[in-house]
N, C-alpha and C. Protein backbone atom coordinates (compact mmCIF):
# COMPACT_ATOMS: atom_id res chain seq x y z
N MET A 1 -34.24 31.51 20.52
CA MET A 1 -33.38 31.13 19.66
C MET A 1 -34.31 30.72 18.60
N SER A 2 -35.38 30.28 18.38
CA SER A 2 -36.17 29.59 17.60
C SER A 2 -36.88 30.82 16.53
N HIS A 3 -36.86 31.96 17.18
CA HIS A 3 -37.24 33.28 15.96
C HIS A 3 -35.76 33.40 15.13
N LEU A 4 -34.75 33.42 15.54
CA LEU A 4 -33.67 33.52 14.86
C LEU A 4 -33.66 32.18 13.50
N ASN A 5 -33.98 31.04 14.20
CA ASN A 5 -33.63 30.12 13.25
C ASN A 5 -34.81 30.09 12.43
N THR A 6 -35.97 30.76 12.51
CA THR A 6 -36.93 31.02 11.69
C THR A 6 -36.75 31.81 10.36
N LEU A 7 -36.10 33.11 10.77
CA LEU A 7 -35.33 34.00 10.08
C LEU A 7 -34.52 33.50 9.17
N ILE A 8 -33.61 32.75 9.65
CA ILE A 8 -32.66 31.99 8.88
C ILE A 8 -33.06 31.02 7.72
N LEU A 9 -33.95 30.37 8.29
CA LEU A 9 -34.92 29.57 7.21
C LEU A 9 -35.46 30.15 6.19
N ARG A 10 -36.23 31.18 6.62
CA ARG A 10 -37.04 32.25 5.68
C ARG A 10 -35.89 32.60 4.78
N SER A 11 -34.96 33.16 5.20
CA SER A 11 -33.65 33.77 4.41
C SER A 11 -33.24 32.65 3.22
N LEU A 12 -32.94 31.55 3.81
CA LEU A 12 -32.50 30.41 2.82
C LEU A 12 -33.59 30.20 1.73
N GLU A 13 -34.73 30.00 1.96
CA GLU A 13 -35.79 29.93 1.19
C GLU A 13 -35.91 31.02 0.02
N GLY A 14 -36.00 32.01 0.55
CA GLY A 14 -36.14 33.21 -0.49
C GLY A 14 -34.98 33.54 -1.17
N ARG A 15 -33.83 33.24 -0.86
CA ARG A 15 -32.46 33.32 -1.67
C ARG A 15 -32.68 32.03 -2.55
N ALA A 16 -33.06 31.03 -2.52
CA ALA A 16 -33.02 29.91 -3.06
C ALA A 16 -34.23 30.17 -4.40
N ALA A 17 -35.29 30.92 -3.67
CA ALA A 17 -36.40 31.22 -4.86
C ALA A 17 -35.80 32.18 -5.82
N ALA A 18 -34.77 33.03 -5.11
CA ALA A 18 -34.40 34.22 -6.24
C ALA A 18 -33.62 33.60 -7.16
N HIS A 19 -32.59 32.58 -6.83
CA HIS A 19 -31.64 32.01 -7.78
C HIS A 19 -32.46 31.23 -8.87
N ARG A 20 -33.72 30.32 -8.38
CA ARG A 20 -34.26 29.74 -9.35
C ARG A 20 -35.07 30.92 -10.41
N ALA A 21 -35.50 31.85 -9.90
CA ALA A 21 -36.00 33.10 -10.76
C ALA A 21 -34.76 33.62 -11.65
N MET A 22 -33.59 33.74 -10.98
CA MET A 22 -32.56 34.15 -11.91
C MET A 22 -32.00 33.17 -12.81
N ALA A 23 -32.36 31.70 -12.69
CA ALA A 23 -32.03 31.09 -13.68
C ALA A 23 -33.05 30.81 -14.76
N LYS A 24 -34.17 31.08 -14.66
CA LYS A 24 -35.35 31.23 -15.51
C LYS A 24 -35.06 32.46 -16.40
N ALA A 25 -34.77 33.38 -15.77
CA ALA A 25 -34.45 34.76 -16.63
C ALA A 25 -33.26 34.62 -17.46
N ALA A 26 -32.23 33.84 -16.87
CA ALA A 26 -31.10 33.58 -17.93
C ALA A 26 -31.25 33.17 -19.10
N LEU A 27 -32.33 32.15 -19.07
CA LEU A 27 -32.62 31.72 -20.45
C LEU A 27 -33.21 32.42 -21.49
N PHE A 28 -33.60 33.38 -21.05
CA PHE A 28 -34.13 34.40 -21.78
C PHE A 28 -33.36 35.79 -22.00
N ALA A 29 -32.25 35.91 -21.58
CA ALA A 29 -31.18 36.89 -21.84
C ALA A 29 -30.84 37.13 -23.36
N ASP A 30 -30.45 38.19 -23.38
CA ASP A 30 -29.91 38.59 -24.72
C ASP A 30 -28.39 38.39 -25.14
N SER A 31 -28.04 37.03 -25.00
CA SER A 31 -26.86 36.59 -24.68
C SER A 31 -26.61 35.32 -25.76
N SER A 32 -25.34 34.62 -25.90
CA SER A 32 -25.10 33.54 -26.54
C SER A 32 -25.98 32.49 -26.01
N ALA A 33 -25.96 31.30 -26.58
CA ALA A 33 -26.80 29.87 -25.87
C ALA A 33 -25.85 29.33 -24.76
N ARG A 34 -24.46 29.78 -25.02
CA ARG A 34 -23.54 29.09 -24.00
C ARG A 34 -23.58 29.83 -22.66
N THR A 35 -23.64 31.34 -23.14
CA THR A 35 -23.43 32.02 -21.66
C THR A 35 -24.75 31.81 -21.07
N ARG A 36 -26.11 31.73 -21.60
CA ARG A 36 -27.25 31.51 -20.92
C ARG A 36 -27.43 30.23 -20.49
N LEU A 37 -26.92 29.28 -20.74
CA LEU A 37 -27.21 27.81 -20.09
C LEU A 37 -25.87 27.91 -18.98
N ASN A 38 -24.80 28.52 -19.16
CA ASN A 38 -23.79 28.37 -18.09
C ASN A 38 -24.17 29.39 -16.97
N ARG A 39 -25.04 30.54 -17.25
CA ARG A 39 -25.81 31.19 -16.12
C ARG A 39 -27.02 30.54 -15.38
N TYR A 40 -27.90 29.92 -16.38
CA TYR A 40 -28.64 28.94 -15.75
C TYR A 40 -28.29 27.62 -14.80
N ASN A 41 -27.26 26.98 -15.49
CA ASN A 41 -26.87 26.39 -14.55
C ASN A 41 -26.13 26.62 -13.11
N HIS A 42 -25.40 27.94 -13.10
CA HIS A 42 -25.01 28.40 -12.14
C HIS A 42 -26.12 28.74 -11.17
N HIS A 43 -26.96 29.33 -11.44
CA HIS A 43 -27.90 29.69 -10.62
C HIS A 43 -28.92 28.59 -10.06
N GLN A 44 -29.06 27.48 -10.94
CA GLN A 44 -29.78 26.24 -10.59
C GLN A 44 -28.83 25.63 -9.32
N ASN A 45 -27.42 25.61 -9.62
CA ASN A 45 -26.75 24.89 -8.60
C ASN A 45 -26.58 25.66 -7.41
N GLN A 46 -26.70 27.08 -7.48
CA GLN A 46 -26.85 27.62 -6.11
C GLN A 46 -28.18 27.53 -5.45
N ALA A 47 -29.24 27.31 -6.24
CA ALA A 47 -30.58 27.04 -5.67
C ALA A 47 -30.43 25.96 -4.98
N LYS A 48 -29.97 24.63 -5.43
CA LYS A 48 -29.95 23.28 -5.01
C LYS A 48 -29.10 23.42 -3.71
N ALA A 49 -27.82 24.10 -3.61
CA ALA A 49 -27.07 24.40 -2.55
C ALA A 49 -27.71 24.81 -1.05
N LEU A 50 -28.41 25.84 -1.63
CA LEU A 50 -29.28 26.56 -0.79
C LEU A 50 -30.48 25.57 0.07
N ASP A 51 -31.17 24.80 -0.83
CA ASP A 51 -31.94 23.88 -0.56
C ASP A 51 -31.55 22.83 0.55
N ALA A 52 -30.24 22.48 0.17
CA ALA A 52 -29.52 21.50 0.81
C ALA A 52 -29.28 21.94 2.36
N ARG A 53 -28.61 23.30 2.47
CA ARG A 53 -28.58 24.00 3.61
C ARG A 53 -30.14 24.22 4.39
N LEU A 54 -31.07 24.29 3.69
CA LEU A 54 -32.22 24.37 4.43
C LEU A 54 -32.50 23.17 4.93
N ALA A 55 -32.44 22.00 4.23
CA ALA A 55 -32.89 20.78 4.89
C ALA A 55 -32.01 20.27 5.95
N ALA A 56 -30.81 20.70 5.85
CA ALA A 56 -29.93 20.35 7.03
C ALA A 56 -30.41 21.05 8.18
N ALA A 57 -30.63 22.34 8.12
CA ALA A 57 -31.09 23.22 9.17
C ALA A 57 -32.33 22.98 9.65
N LYS A 58 -33.27 22.63 8.78
CA LYS A 58 -34.64 22.11 9.55
C LYS A 58 -34.30 20.59 10.31
N ARG A 59 -33.73 19.52 9.68
CA ARG A 59 -33.39 18.59 10.40
C ARG A 59 -32.68 18.66 11.70
N GLN A 60 -31.66 19.82 11.86
CA GLN A 60 -30.99 20.03 12.97
C GLN A 60 -32.17 20.72 13.86
N GLU A 61 -33.03 21.44 13.36
CA GLU A 61 -33.96 22.08 14.26
C GLU A 61 -34.85 21.04 15.14
N VAL A 62 -35.27 20.15 14.31
CA VAL A 62 -36.15 18.92 14.47
C VAL A 62 -35.64 18.18 15.74
N GLN A 63 -34.20 17.77 15.45
CA GLN A 63 -33.32 17.18 16.75
C GLN A 63 -33.19 17.90 17.90
N ALA A 64 -33.15 19.13 17.80
CA ALA A 64 -32.93 19.91 19.23
C ALA A 64 -34.04 19.98 19.96
């Protein structure tokens, strides 16, 4: 079961990193400033949510 947990944690880490990269890319897109900011905020919020899920999963793994 720990192998599955490791895969899930890596998946969450990778997805959070991808959202942070998309947030940075959104700042340089050929769009209006408002659209770029909205996309940046969206991806940063997604990354923060994934980081929170990752932290909760790690806490749960330690307690088990």
